[in-house]
Every structure is written in structure tokens, then in C-alpha cells.
Amino acid sequence: MRFRPLHDRVVIKRIDQEEKSAGGIIIPDTAQEKPMEGEVIAVGPGARGDDGKLHPLDVKVGDRVLFGKWSGTEVKIGAEDFLIVKESDVMGIIEGSVAKKRKKAA
């Protein structure tokens, strides 16, 4: 199944956090917080401004982003869980070496 978000909505797949603390303690699933970092899977065409023109989104597919803890709507598409948020709920894009290091670790 394919899903295409409308307007200024963004589909994000959460990136799982480490299951161990910095001290090596394994954190059980029930005690872990939901990650606030994810990868953009799909984006809508953009939002219409007051002038009626379509303004494209700043995020694009493949970006690693940070978003609010209680942002968006959780949905299940196929067998996977995703989060659908408005672009304004995305706090920022993770760029550079930090994103590359995290991608290699995953």
C-alpha cells in the first residue's frame, strides 16, 4: 500500500533509541520513552499561502528530523507504524556527521 500525504503533512518513521543506557544498563521496553527522532518517508506538496500559491515544504524524503513528543497522529500502514505530522510540528532537520553516525549505528 502506498500513502501520499496532503498539504503540509509529513510521514515519519520513528528511529529506535538505544536499549542500553550510557552505563550499560539494559532498559526494558516498558520504561523506554518514544523516540522524538525519525526519518521522513513522504511529504505532501506544500501549503497554500494567503496569496493562493503553493509553498513547498522545507523537509524532504530521507531527512532525519526531530519532532515534538506529543506531535502528530500515529498510524499503521501495512505492518509498519508511522507518524503523520504537520510540517510546523517538525522542530528541525539533523544534518551532517551526527545524522551519518546515527544512520551507521542503526
N, C-alpha and C. Protein backbone atom coordinates (compact mmCIF):
# COMPACT_ATOMS: atom_id res chain seq x y z
N MET A 1 0.84 -1.17 0.00
CA MET A 1 0.00 0.00 0.00
C MET A 1 0.89 1.24 0.00
N ARG A 2 0.55 2.20 -0.81
CA ARG A 2 1.27 3.48 -0.86
C ARG A 2 0.41 4.53 -0.20
N PHE A 3 1.06 5.51 0.39
CA PHE A 3 0.35 6.59 1.08
C PHE A 3 0.99 7.91 0.68
N ARG A 4 0.18 8.87 0.26
CA ARG A 4 0.67 10.19 -0.13
C ARG A 4 -0.01 11.22 0.76
N PRO A 5 0.75 11.91 1.61
CA PRO A 5 0.15 12.91 2.49
C PRO A 5 -0.31 14.14 1.70
N LEU A 6 -1.29 14.83 2.23
CA LEU A 6 -1.82 16.03 1.59
C LEU A 6 -1.29 17.29 2.27
N HIS A 7 -1.31 18.38 1.54
CA HIS A 7 -0.96 19.72 2.03
C HIS A 7 0.42 19.74 2.67
N ASP A 8 0.52 20.21 3.91
CA ASP A 8 1.83 20.35 4.55
C ASP A 8 2.10 19.24 5.57
N ARG A 9 1.57 18.06 5.29
CA ARG A 9 1.77 16.94 6.20
C ARG A 9 3.01 16.13 5.81
N VAL A 10 3.62 15.51 6.82
CA VAL A 10 4.85 14.75 6.66
C VAL A 10 4.67 13.39 7.32
N VAL A 11 5.08 12.32 6.64
CA VAL A 11 5.03 10.97 7.22
C VAL A 11 6.43 10.65 7.73
N ILE A 12 6.51 10.27 9.01
CA ILE A 12 7.79 10.00 9.66
C ILE A 12 7.79 8.59 10.23
N LYS A 13 8.91 7.92 10.07
CA LYS A 13 9.12 6.61 10.72
C LYS A 13 10.08 6.86 11.88
N ARG A 14 9.63 6.53 13.08
CA ARG A 14 10.46 6.73 14.27
C ARG A 14 11.74 5.90 14.18
N ILE A 15 12.83 6.46 14.68
CA ILE A 15 14.11 5.75 14.75
C ILE A 15 14.27 5.27 16.18
N ASP A 16 14.44 3.97 16.33
CA ASP A 16 14.54 3.38 17.67
C ASP A 16 15.77 3.88 18.40
N GLN A 17 15.60 4.12 19.69
CA GLN A 17 16.68 4.58 20.55
C GLN A 17 17.48 3.36 21.03
N GLU A 18 18.61 3.64 21.63
CA GLU A 18 19.45 2.59 22.21
C GLU A 18 18.68 1.88 23.33
N GLU A 19 18.87 0.58 23.45
CA GLU A 19 18.22 -0.18 24.52
C GLU A 19 19.08 -0.23 25.77
N LYS A 20 20.31 0.32 25.69
CA LYS A 20 21.19 0.36 26.85
C LYS A 20 21.45 1.80 27.22
N SER A 21 21.61 2.03 28.52
CA SER A 21 21.98 3.37 28.97
C SER A 21 23.48 3.56 28.75
N ALA A 22 23.98 4.76 29.00
CA ALA A 22 25.41 5.03 28.83
C ALA A 22 26.25 4.16 29.76
N GLY A 23 25.69 3.78 30.90
CA GLY A 23 26.41 2.94 31.85
C GLY A 23 26.30 1.45 31.56
N GLY A 24 25.59 1.07 30.50
CA GLY A 24 25.48 -0.32 30.11
C GLY A 24 24.26 -1.04 30.66
N ILE A 25 23.38 -0.31 31.32
CA ILE A 25 22.16 -0.92 31.87
C ILE A 25 21.14 -1.07 30.76
N ILE A 26 20.56 -2.27 30.62
CA ILE A 26 19.55 -2.52 29.60
C ILE A 26 18.22 -1.97 30.08
N ILE A 27 17.60 -1.15 29.24
CA ILE A 27 16.33 -0.50 29.59
C ILE A 27 15.19 -1.32 28.98
N PRO A 28 14.25 -1.81 29.80
CA PRO A 28 13.13 -2.60 29.25
C PRO A 28 12.21 -1.73 28.40
N ASP A 29 11.49 -2.36 27.47
CA ASP A 29 10.59 -1.64 26.56
C ASP A 29 9.57 -0.79 27.30
N THR A 30 9.08 -1.30 28.43
CA THR A 30 8.04 -0.57 29.16
C THR A 30 8.57 0.72 29.78
N ALA A 31 9.87 0.84 30.00
CA ALA A 31 10.45 2.03 30.62
C ALA A 31 11.02 3.00 29.59
N GLN A 32 11.10 2.59 28.35
CA GLN A 32 11.67 3.46 27.32
C GLN A 32 10.66 4.51 26.88
N GLU A 33 11.15 5.69 26.60
CA GLU A 33 10.30 6.74 26.05
C GLU A 33 10.26 6.58 24.54
N LYS A 34 9.18 7.06 23.93
CA LYS A 34 9.09 7.02 22.48
C LYS A 34 10.13 7.98 21.91
N PRO A 35 10.84 7.56 20.88
CA PRO A 35 11.85 8.46 20.31
C PRO A 35 11.22 9.68 19.67
N MET A 36 11.93 10.79 19.74
CA MET A 36 11.47 12.03 19.13
C MET A 36 12.27 12.33 17.87
N GLU A 37 12.91 11.31 17.35
CA GLU A 37 13.72 11.44 16.14
C GLU A 37 13.19 10.45 15.12
N GLY A 38 13.18 10.85 13.86
CA GLY A 38 12.69 9.95 12.84
C GLY A 38 13.20 10.31 11.46
N GLU A 39 12.85 9.46 10.51
CA GLU A 39 13.22 9.66 9.12
C GLU A 39 11.96 9.98 8.32
N VAL A 40 12.05 11.00 7.48
CA VAL A 40 10.92 11.40 6.65
C VAL A 40 10.73 10.38 5.55
N ILE A 41 9.54 9.80 5.47
CA ILE A 41 9.21 8.78 4.48
C ILE A 41 8.47 9.38 3.28
N ALA A 42 7.60 10.36 3.55
CA ALA A 42 6.83 11.00 2.47
C ALA A 42 6.44 12.40 2.91
N VAL A 43 6.30 13.31 1.94
CA VAL A 43 5.87 14.68 2.22
C VAL A 43 4.75 15.08 1.27
N GLY A 44 3.90 15.96 1.74
CA GLY A 44 2.84 16.49 0.90
C GLY A 44 3.41 17.54 -0.06
N PRO A 45 2.57 18.04 -0.96
CA PRO A 45 3.04 19.01 -1.95
C PRO A 45 3.35 20.38 -1.38
N GLY A 46 2.80 20.72 -0.23
CA GLY A 46 3.06 22.02 0.38
C GLY A 46 1.76 22.67 0.83
N ALA A 47 1.91 23.83 1.44
CA ALA A 47 0.75 24.56 1.96
C ALA A 47 0.44 25.73 1.05
N ARG A 48 -0.82 26.07 0.98
CA ARG A 48 -1.24 27.25 0.20
C ARG A 48 -1.14 28.48 1.10
N GLY A 49 -0.50 29.49 0.59
CA GLY A 49 -0.36 30.74 1.33
C GLY A 49 -1.59 31.61 1.14
N ASP A 50 -1.59 32.75 1.79
CA ASP A 50 -2.70 33.70 1.66
C ASP A 50 -2.84 34.20 0.23
N ASP A 51 -1.74 34.15 -0.52
CA ASP A 51 -1.76 34.60 -1.91
C ASP A 51 -2.30 33.52 -2.86
N GLY A 52 -2.60 32.33 -2.30
CA GLY A 52 -3.13 31.24 -3.12
C GLY A 52 -2.08 30.38 -3.78
N LYS A 53 -0.81 30.75 -3.64
CA LYS A 53 0.28 29.99 -4.25
C LYS A 53 0.70 28.84 -3.35
N LEU A 54 1.18 27.78 -3.97
CA LEU A 54 1.65 26.60 -3.25
C LEU A 54 3.08 26.84 -2.79
N HIS A 55 3.32 26.73 -1.49
CA HIS A 55 4.65 26.92 -0.93
C HIS A 55 5.20 25.54 -0.54
N PRO A 56 6.28 25.09 -1.21
CA PRO A 56 6.81 23.75 -0.94
C PRO A 56 7.36 23.65 0.48
N LEU A 57 7.47 22.41 0.97
CA LEU A 57 7.95 22.17 2.33
C LEU A 57 9.47 22.24 2.39
N ASP A 58 10.00 22.53 3.57
CA ASP A 58 11.45 22.58 3.78
C ASP A 58 12.05 21.19 3.96
N VAL A 59 11.25 20.24 4.45
CA VAL A 59 11.75 18.88 4.65
C VAL A 59 11.53 18.07 3.38
N LYS A 60 12.39 17.06 3.19
CA LYS A 60 12.24 16.19 2.03
C LYS A 60 12.42 14.74 2.46
N VAL A 61 12.04 13.83 1.60
CA VAL A 61 12.15 12.40 1.89
C VAL A 61 13.61 12.06 2.19
N GLY A 62 13.84 11.30 3.26
CA GLY A 62 15.18 10.89 3.64
C GLY A 62 15.79 11.74 4.74
N ASP A 63 15.24 12.92 5.01
CA ASP A 63 15.76 13.77 6.08
C ASP A 63 15.54 13.11 7.43
N ARG A 64 16.51 13.31 8.35
CA ARG A 64 16.34 12.90 9.74
C ARG A 64 15.90 14.13 10.51
N VAL A 65 14.80 14.01 11.22
CA VAL A 65 14.20 15.17 11.87
C VAL A 65 13.92 14.92 13.35
N LEU A 66 13.79 16.01 14.09
CA LEU A 66 13.33 15.98 15.47
C LEU A 66 11.92 16.56 15.48
N PHE A 67 11.04 15.96 16.27
CA PHE A 67 9.67 16.43 16.35
C PHE A 67 9.21 16.41 17.79
N GLY A 68 8.11 17.09 18.06
CA GLY A 68 7.58 17.19 19.42
C GLY A 68 7.14 15.84 19.97
N LYS A 69 7.27 15.68 21.27
CA LYS A 69 6.96 14.42 21.93
C LYS A 69 5.52 13.97 21.71
N TRP A 70 4.59 14.88 21.71
CA TRP A 70 3.17 14.54 21.57
C TRP A 70 2.62 14.96 20.21
N SER A 71 3.47 15.14 19.24
CA SER A 71 3.07 15.63 17.92
C SER A 71 2.44 14.54 17.07
N GLY A 72 1.54 14.97 16.20
CA GLY A 72 1.05 14.11 15.13
C GLY A 72 0.08 13.02 15.54
N THR A 73 -0.19 12.17 14.54
CA THR A 73 -1.10 11.05 14.69
C THR A 73 -0.37 9.78 14.32
N GLU A 74 -0.41 8.79 15.20
CA GLU A 74 0.22 7.51 14.91
C GLU A 74 -0.72 6.66 14.06
N VAL A 75 -0.18 6.09 12.98
CA VAL A 75 -0.97 5.23 12.09
C VAL A 75 -0.17 3.98 11.76
N LYS A 76 -0.89 2.95 11.38
CA LYS A 76 -0.26 1.71 10.94
C LYS A 76 -0.60 1.56 9.46
N ILE A 77 0.42 1.51 8.62
CA ILE A 77 0.24 1.33 7.18
C ILE A 77 0.94 0.02 6.83
N GLY A 78 0.17 -0.94 6.39
CA GLY A 78 0.73 -2.28 6.20
C GLY A 78 1.07 -2.85 7.56
N ALA A 79 2.32 -3.28 7.73
CA ALA A 79 2.75 -3.84 9.00
C ALA A 79 3.59 -2.86 9.81
N GLU A 80 3.78 -1.64 9.29
CA GLU A 80 4.68 -0.69 9.95
C GLU A 80 3.92 0.46 10.58
N ASP A 81 4.51 1.00 11.67
CA ASP A 81 3.93 2.15 12.36
C ASP A 81 4.61 3.43 11.88
N PHE A 82 3.80 4.44 11.62
CA PHE A 82 4.30 5.74 11.17
C PHE A 82 3.64 6.84 11.99
N LEU A 83 4.17 8.02 11.84
CA LEU A 83 3.64 9.20 12.49
C LEU A 83 3.38 10.24 11.40
N ILE A 84 2.17 10.81 11.38
CA ILE A 84 1.83 11.85 10.42
C ILE A 84 1.75 13.17 11.19
N VAL A 85 2.58 14.13 10.80
CA VAL A 85 2.62 15.43 11.47
C VAL A 85 2.53 16.55 10.44
N LYS A 86 2.15 17.72 10.90
CA LYS A 86 2.24 18.91 10.05
C LYS A 86 3.69 19.37 10.08
N GLU A 87 4.10 20.03 9.02
CA GLU A 87 5.50 20.48 8.96
C GLU A 87 5.84 21.37 10.14
N SER A 88 4.90 22.13 10.63
CA SER A 88 5.16 23.03 11.76
C SER A 88 5.48 22.27 13.05
N ASP A 89 5.12 20.97 13.14
CA ASP A 89 5.45 20.15 14.31
C ASP A 89 6.88 19.64 14.27
N VAL A 90 7.53 19.73 13.11
CA VAL A 90 8.92 19.31 12.99
C VAL A 90 9.78 20.44 13.52
N MET A 91 10.64 20.11 14.52
CA MET A 91 11.46 21.14 15.15
C MET A 91 12.72 21.45 14.35
N GLY A 92 13.23 20.46 13.63
CA GLY A 92 14.44 20.71 12.86
C GLY A 92 14.93 19.47 12.15
N ILE A 93 15.89 19.69 11.26
CA ILE A 93 16.50 18.61 10.48
C ILE A 93 17.89 18.36 11.05
N ILE A 94 18.21 17.09 11.28
CA ILE A 94 19.53 16.72 11.77
C ILE A 94 20.44 16.61 10.55
N GLU A 95 21.50 17.42 10.53
CA GLU A 95 22.39 17.45 9.38
C GLU A 95 23.79 17.03 9.76
N GLY A 96 24.57 16.69 8.76
CA GLY A 96 26.00 16.47 8.93
C GLY A 96 26.37 15.16 9.57
N SER A 97 27.48 15.18 10.31
CA SER A 97 28.09 13.96 10.83
C SER A 97 27.23 13.25 11.86
N VAL A 98 26.41 13.96 12.61
CA VAL A 98 25.56 13.33 13.63
C VAL A 98 24.57 12.40 12.96
N ALA A 99 23.94 12.84 11.87
CA ALA A 99 22.97 12.01 11.15
C ALA A 99 23.65 10.80 10.54
N LYS A 100 24.86 10.97 10.00
CA LYS A 100 25.59 9.86 9.38
C LYS A 100 25.98 8.81 10.43
N LYS A 101 26.46 9.28 11.61
CA LYS A 101 26.83 8.34 12.68
C LYS A 101 25.63 7.54 13.13
N ARG A 102 24.49 8.20 13.30
CA ARG A 102 23.28 7.51 13.76
C ARG A 102 22.78 6.55 12.72
N LYS A 103 22.92 6.88 11.44
CA LYS A 103 22.46 6.00 10.38
C LYS A 103 23.31 4.73 10.35
N LYS A 104 24.64 4.87 10.56
CA LYS A 104 25.52 3.70 10.57
C LYS A 104 25.23 2.80 11.76
N ALA A 105 24.89 3.39 12.90
CA ALA A 105 24.62 2.61 14.11
C ALA A 105 23.33 1.82 13.99
N ALA A 106 22.38 2.29 13.18
CA ALA A 106 21.08 1.62 13.06
C ALA A 106 21.13 0.40 12.24
